[in-house]
N, C-alpha and C. Protein backbone atom coordinates (compact mmCIF):
# COMPACT_ATOMS: atom_id res chain seq x y z
N MET A 1 0.93 -0.75 -0.35
CA MET A 1 -0.28 -0.55 -0.19
C MET A 1 0.65 1.20 -0.37
N ALA A 2 1.86 1.71 0.40
CA ALA A 2 3.44 2.50 0.49
C ALA A 2 3.06 2.73 -0.51
N ARG A 3 4.13 1.91 -1.16
CA ARG A 3 4.54 2.23 -2.25
C ARG A 3 3.63 2.44 -3.62
N GLU A 4 1.85 2.04 -3.80
CA GLU A 4 1.36 2.23 -4.29
C GLU A 4 1.69 4.15 -3.97
N GLU A 5 0.76 4.82 -3.10
CA GLU A 5 0.98 6.28 -2.04
C GLU A 5 2.08 6.94 -2.77
N THR A 6 3.17 5.92 -2.58
CA THR A 6 4.67 6.90 -3.07
C THR A 6 4.62 7.18 -4.84
N LYS A 7 3.95 6.42 -5.21
CA LYS A 7 3.75 6.13 -7.07
C LYS A 7 3.42 7.25 -7.12
N ARG A 8 1.88 8.11 -6.10
CA ARG A 8 0.46 8.68 -6.77
C ARG A 8 1.22 10.19 -6.18
N ALA A 9 1.69 10.16 -5.33
CA ALA A 9 2.70 11.25 -4.69
C ALA A 9 3.60 11.63 -5.76
N TRP A 10 4.34 10.79 -6.87
CA TRP A 10 5.85 11.00 -8.06
C TRP A 10 4.37 11.65 -8.98
N ASP A 11 3.09 10.40 -9.71
CA ASP A 11 2.61 9.87 -10.48
C ASP A 11 1.96 12.70 -9.93
N ARG A 12 1.64 12.34 -9.01
CA ARG A 12 1.18 14.09 -8.49
C ARG A 12 2.11 15.70 -9.01
N PHE A 13 2.55 15.30 -8.68
CA PHE A 13 3.96 15.87 -8.73
C PHE A 13 4.30 15.92 -10.87
N GLU A 14 4.81 15.36 -10.89
CA GLU A 14 4.79 14.73 -12.39
C GLU A 14 4.06 16.52 -13.26
N SER A 15 2.57 15.64 -12.45
CA SER A 15 1.91 16.63 -13.29
C SER A 15 1.65 17.89 -13.07
N ASP A 16 1.87 17.78 -11.66
CA ASP A 16 1.74 19.53 -11.16
C ASP A 16 3.35 20.60 -12.27
N ILE A 17 4.57 20.21 -12.26
CA ILE A 17 5.14 20.64 -12.78
C ILE A 17 4.68 20.37 -14.19
N GLN A 18 4.55 19.68 -14.99
CA GLN A 18 4.05 19.78 -16.30
C GLN A 18 3.42 20.83 -16.15
N GLY A 19 2.08 21.27 -15.58
CA GLY A 19 1.22 22.18 -15.21
C GLY A 19 0.83 23.95 -14.62
N LEU A 20 2.37 23.62 -14.11
CA LEU A 20 3.60 24.70 -13.62
C LEU A 20 4.14 25.35 -15.27
N ALA A 21 5.16 24.23 -15.17
CA ALA A 21 5.13 24.82 -16.75
C ALA A 21 4.52 25.42 -18.08
N GLY A 22 3.70 25.43 -17.96
CA GLY A 22 2.46 25.64 -18.80
C GLY A 22 2.54 26.95 -18.77
N GLU A 23 1.28 27.11 -16.96
CA GLU A 23 1.88 28.23 -16.22
C GLU A 23 2.71 29.28 -16.63
N LEU A 24 3.48 29.02 -16.54
CA LEU A 24 4.58 29.61 -16.33
C LEU A 24 5.33 30.04 -18.09
N LYS A 25 5.00 29.23 -19.18
CA LYS A 25 4.63 29.91 -20.04
C LYS A 25 3.02 31.33 -20.92
N ARG A 26 2.67 30.37 -20.77
CA ARG A 26 0.92 31.40 -20.88
C ARG A 26 1.02 33.21 -19.38
N GLN A 27 1.66 32.70 -18.56
CA GLN A 27 2.61 33.81 -18.21
C GLN A 27 3.89 34.45 -18.82
N TYR A 28 4.01 34.44 -19.45
CA TYR A 28 5.93 34.95 -19.44
C TYR A 28 5.07 35.66 -21.47
N ARG A 29 4.76 34.43 -21.57
CA ARG A 29 4.31 34.84 -23.26
C ARG A 29 3.30 36.88 -23.23
N ALA A 30 3.13 37.45 -21.63
CA ALA A 30 2.01 38.40 -21.89
C ALA A 30 2.72 39.18 -20.98
N LYS A 31 3.58 38.56 -20.56
CA LYS A 31 4.68 40.21 -20.14
C LYS A 31 5.38 40.94 -20.10
N ASP A 32 5.38 41.93 -19.88
CA ASP A 32 6.93 42.67 -20.16
C ASP A 32 8.19 43.07 -19.86
N ASP A 33 9.29 42.89 -20.36
CA ASP A 33 10.70 42.88 -19.77
C ASP A 33 10.94 42.79 -18.38
N ARG A 34 10.53 43.58 -17.58
CA ARG A 34 10.73 44.12 -15.89
C ARG A 34 9.94 42.98 -15.01
N GLU A 35 8.54 42.36 -16.03
CA GLU A 35 7.71 41.58 -15.61
C GLU A 35 9.09 40.20 -15.67
N THR A 36 9.76 39.94 -17.26
CA THR A 36 9.65 38.78 -17.75
C THR A 36 10.79 38.41 -16.58
N ALA A 37 12.40 39.82 -16.07
CA ALA A 37 13.14 39.96 -15.45
C ALA A 37 12.56 39.34 -14.69
N ASP A 38 12.28 40.09 -13.82
CA ASP A 38 11.83 39.36 -12.29
C ASP A 38 11.37 37.51 -12.33
N LEU A 39 10.47 36.93 -13.26
CA LEU A 39 10.56 36.41 -13.36
C LEU A 39 11.67 35.28 -13.58
N ASN A 40 12.51 35.65 -14.88
CA ASN A 40 13.34 34.56 -14.45
C ASN A 40 14.65 35.27 -13.42
N ARG A 41 14.80 36.39 -12.85
CA ARG A 41 15.09 35.27 -11.22
C ARG A 41 14.66 34.26 -10.24
N SER A 42 13.44 34.71 -10.29
CA SER A 42 12.24 33.55 -9.81
C SER A 42 13.16 32.38 -10.06
N LEU A 43 13.06 31.41 -11.52
CA LEU A 43 13.40 30.92 -11.59
C LEU A 43 14.90 30.63 -11.85
N ASP A 44 15.18 31.89 -11.75
CA ASP A 44 16.92 30.80 -11.12
C ASP A 44 16.52 30.77 -9.62
N GLN A 45 16.72 31.41 -9.37
CA GLN A 45 16.30 31.15 -7.29
C GLN A 45 15.74 30.17 -7.28
N LEU A 46 14.83 29.29 -7.88
CA LEU A 46 14.21 28.10 -7.46
C LEU A 46 15.40 27.57 -7.65
N ARG A 47 16.28 27.10 -9.17
CA ARG A 47 17.17 26.70 -10.24
C ARG A 47 18.25 26.53 -8.20
N GLN A 48 19.56 27.60 -8.02
CA GLN A 48 20.00 27.23 -6.65
C GLN A 48 19.15 26.62 -5.38
N ALA A 49 18.01 26.56 -5.04
CA ALA A 49 16.97 26.09 -4.11
C ALA A 49 17.09 24.57 -4.17
N ALA A 50 17.30 24.44 -5.65
CA ALA A 50 16.91 22.36 -6.27
C ALA A 50 18.29 22.06 -6.00
N GLU A 51 19.89 23.36 -6.49
CA GLU A 51 21.06 22.51 -5.95
C GLU A 51 21.08 22.34 -4.48
N SER A 52 20.87 23.34 -3.89
CA SER A 52 21.33 23.12 -1.51
C SER A 52 20.64 22.01 -1.74
N VAL A 53 19.48 22.01 -1.62
CA VAL A 53 18.75 20.47 -1.49
C VAL A 53 19.50 20.09 -1.86
N PHE A 54 19.74 19.31 -2.90
CA PHE A 54 20.58 18.37 -2.99
C PHE A 54 21.68 18.27 -2.96
N LYS A 55 22.21 18.69 -2.75
CA LYS A 55 23.68 18.87 -1.92
C LYS A 55 23.41 18.43 -0.77
N SER A 56 23.28 19.16 0.41
CA SER A 56 22.54 18.91 1.57
C SER A 56 21.93 17.38 1.39
N LEU A 57 21.51 16.88 0.93
CA LEU A 57 20.76 16.13 0.36
C LEU A 57 22.61 14.98 0.89
N GLU A 58 23.44 15.16 -0.07
CA GLU A 58 24.69 14.47 -1.17
C GLU A 58 25.33 14.51 1.13
N SER A 59 25.19 15.59 1.92
CA SER A 59 26.65 15.27 2.62
C SER A 59 26.06 14.80 4.17
N ALA A 60 24.69 15.01 3.90
CA ALA A 60 24.24 14.50 5.35
C ALA A 60 24.55 12.82 4.72
N SER A 61 24.78 11.47 3.79
CA SER A 61 25.54 10.82 4.62
C SER A 61 26.76 10.02 4.22
N ARG A 62 27.08 9.30 5.15
CA ARG A 62 28.20 8.92 4.19
C ARG A 62 28.35 7.66 3.36
N ASP A 63 27.33 7.43 2.76
CA ASP A 63 27.14 6.30 2.14
C ASP A 63 27.72 6.11 0.49
N PRO A 64 27.82 5.85 0.51
CA PRO A 64 29.28 6.62 -1.36
C PRO A 64 28.25 6.12 -2.25
N GLU A 65 26.53 4.63 -2.03
CA GLU A 65 26.17 4.21 -3.02
C GLU A 65 25.06 5.55 -2.47
N VAL A 66 24.39 5.67 -1.46
CA VAL A 66 23.54 7.23 -1.93
C VAL A 66 23.76 8.28 -2.36
N ARG A 67 25.61 8.87 -1.48
CA ARG A 67 26.49 10.04 -2.58
C ARG A 67 25.52 9.95 -3.88
N THR A 68 26.09 9.13 -4.40
CA THR A 68 26.25 8.80 -6.03
C THR A 68 24.88 8.78 -6.49
N ARG A 69 23.53 7.87 -5.61
CA ARG A 69 21.98 7.95 -6.63
C ARG A 69 21.69 9.77 -5.85
N THR A 70 22.65 10.13 -5.10
CA THR A 70 21.87 11.64 -4.47
C THR A 70 22.19 12.92 -6.02
N ARG A 71 23.05 12.59 -6.34
CA ARG A 71 24.15 13.48 -7.56
C ARG A 71 23.19 12.25 -8.56
N GLU A 72 23.14 11.87 -8.60
CA GLU A 72 22.21 10.77 -9.97
C GLU A 72 21.09 11.01 -10.07
N THR A 73 20.50 11.88 -9.07
CA THR A 73 18.99 11.93 -9.18
C THR A 73 18.81 14.24 -8.76
N ALA A 74 20.20 14.05 -8.54
CA ALA A 74 19.91 16.13 -8.49
C ALA A 74 20.28 16.53 -10.91
N ARG A 75 20.91 15.43 -11.32
CA ARG A 75 21.65 15.53 -12.66
C ARG A 75 19.80 15.40 -13.32
N SER A 76 19.72 14.43 -12.85
CA SER A 76 18.27 14.00 -13.41
C SER A 76 16.83 14.85 -13.57
N PHE A 77 16.69 15.31 -12.54
CA PHE A 77 16.27 16.67 -11.40
C PHE A 77 16.63 17.94 -12.58
N GLY A 78 17.60 17.90 -13.25
CA GLY A 78 18.47 19.08 -13.17
C GLY A 78 17.89 19.51 -14.19
N SER A 79 17.84 17.74 -15.49
CA SER A 79 17.76 17.71 -16.40
C SER A 79 16.60 18.31 -17.02
N ALA A 80 15.54 17.31 -16.32
CA ALA A 80 14.26 18.00 -16.48
C ALA A 80 13.61 19.25 -16.21
N LEU A 81 13.93 19.82 -16.38
CA LEU A 81 13.93 21.80 -15.34
C LEU A 81 14.41 22.30 -17.09
N GLY A 82 15.49 21.97 -17.01
CA GLY A 82 16.29 22.69 -18.17
C GLY A 82 15.75 22.38 -19.26
N GLU A 83 15.65 20.92 -19.67
CA GLU A 83 13.97 20.80 -20.54
C GLU A 83 13.12 21.70 -20.99
N THR A 84 12.69 21.58 -19.36
CA THR A 84 10.76 22.51 -19.67
C THR A 84 11.60 23.68 -19.50
N PHE A 85 12.50 24.59 -19.09
CA PHE A 85 12.58 25.57 -19.81
C PHE A 85 13.36 25.65 -21.07
N ARG A 86 14.11 25.16 -21.61
CA ARG A 86 14.09 24.91 -23.36
C ARG A 86 13.06 24.97 -23.46
N GLU A 87 12.54 24.65 -23.60
CA GLU A 87 11.14 24.76 -24.90
C GLU A 87 10.61 25.66 -24.00
N LEU A 88 10.00 26.28 -23.32
CA LEU A 88 9.34 27.57 -22.48
C LEU A 88 10.41 28.69 -23.72
N SER A 89 11.56 28.42 -22.99
CA SER A 89 12.58 29.46 -24.19
C SER A 89 11.78 29.47 -25.64
N ASP A 90 12.19 28.55 -26.15
CA ASP A 90 11.86 27.96 -27.50
C ASP A 90 10.60 28.91 -27.76
N GLU A 91 9.16 28.31 -26.42
CA GLU A 91 7.69 29.31 -27.33
C GLU A 91 8.06 31.37 -26.85
N ILE A 92 8.52 31.50 -26.42
CA ILE A 92 8.67 33.19 -26.50
C ILE A 92 9.91 33.13 -27.45
N GLU A 93 10.44 32.74 -27.73
CA GLU A 93 11.61 32.66 -29.28
C GLU A 93 10.26 33.08 -30.20
N LYS A 94 9.74 32.20 -30.57
CA LYS A 94 8.74 31.82 -31.66
C LYS A 94 7.60 32.75 -31.28
N ALA A 95 6.69 33.12 -29.65
CA ALA A 95 6.29 34.25 -30.03
C ALA A 95 6.98 35.71 -30.87
N VAL A 96 7.65 35.92 -29.93
CA VAL A 96 8.65 37.12 -30.37
C VAL A 96 8.74 37.46 -32.02
N LYS A 97 9.33 36.29 -32.14
CA LYS A 97 9.56 36.24 -34.22
C LYS A 97 8.07 36.12 -35.28
N LYS A 98 7.09 36.28 -34.74
CA LYS A 98 5.12 35.75 -34.47
C LYS A 98 5.26 37.71 -35.08
N PRO A 99 5.65 37.84 -36.64
CA PRO A 99 4.66 39.42 -36.68
C PRO A 99 3.41 39.91 -36.15
N ALA A 100 3.26 40.68 -35.88
CA ALA A 100 2.55 41.61 -35.40
C ALA A 100 0.97 40.97 -36.06
N SER A 101 0.33 40.61 -35.97
CA SER A 101 -1.04 41.14 -36.54
C SER A 101 -1.81 42.70 -37.54
N THR A 102 -1.84 42.20 -38.30
CA THR A 102 -2.85 43.89 -39.19
C THR A 102 -3.37 43.66 -38.53
N LYS A 103 -5.21 44.53 -37.87
CA LYS A 103 -6.62 45.65 -37.95
C LYS A 103 -7.26 45.56 -38.09
């Protein structure tokens, strides 16, 4: 039973992070330069906080296998965030390059 609850929790997290990525894309497109810079700063703070969490986990254990798995998990988490934000950047670039519609 506990494993099922854990799987549901991770599935929920995956769904939530995908939903957040979609909302960030929508919000990013609607913002002016100042607000976009604020959002970029917030995303950078998120990245730094995630790095801090994984470094803390890595240093909390003396077990080499746990330390290795922590580094691997941090890399996969970073890759997932990186892909999300690359996708976001691609969307922004498309929106910026799109010619303004005439009325």
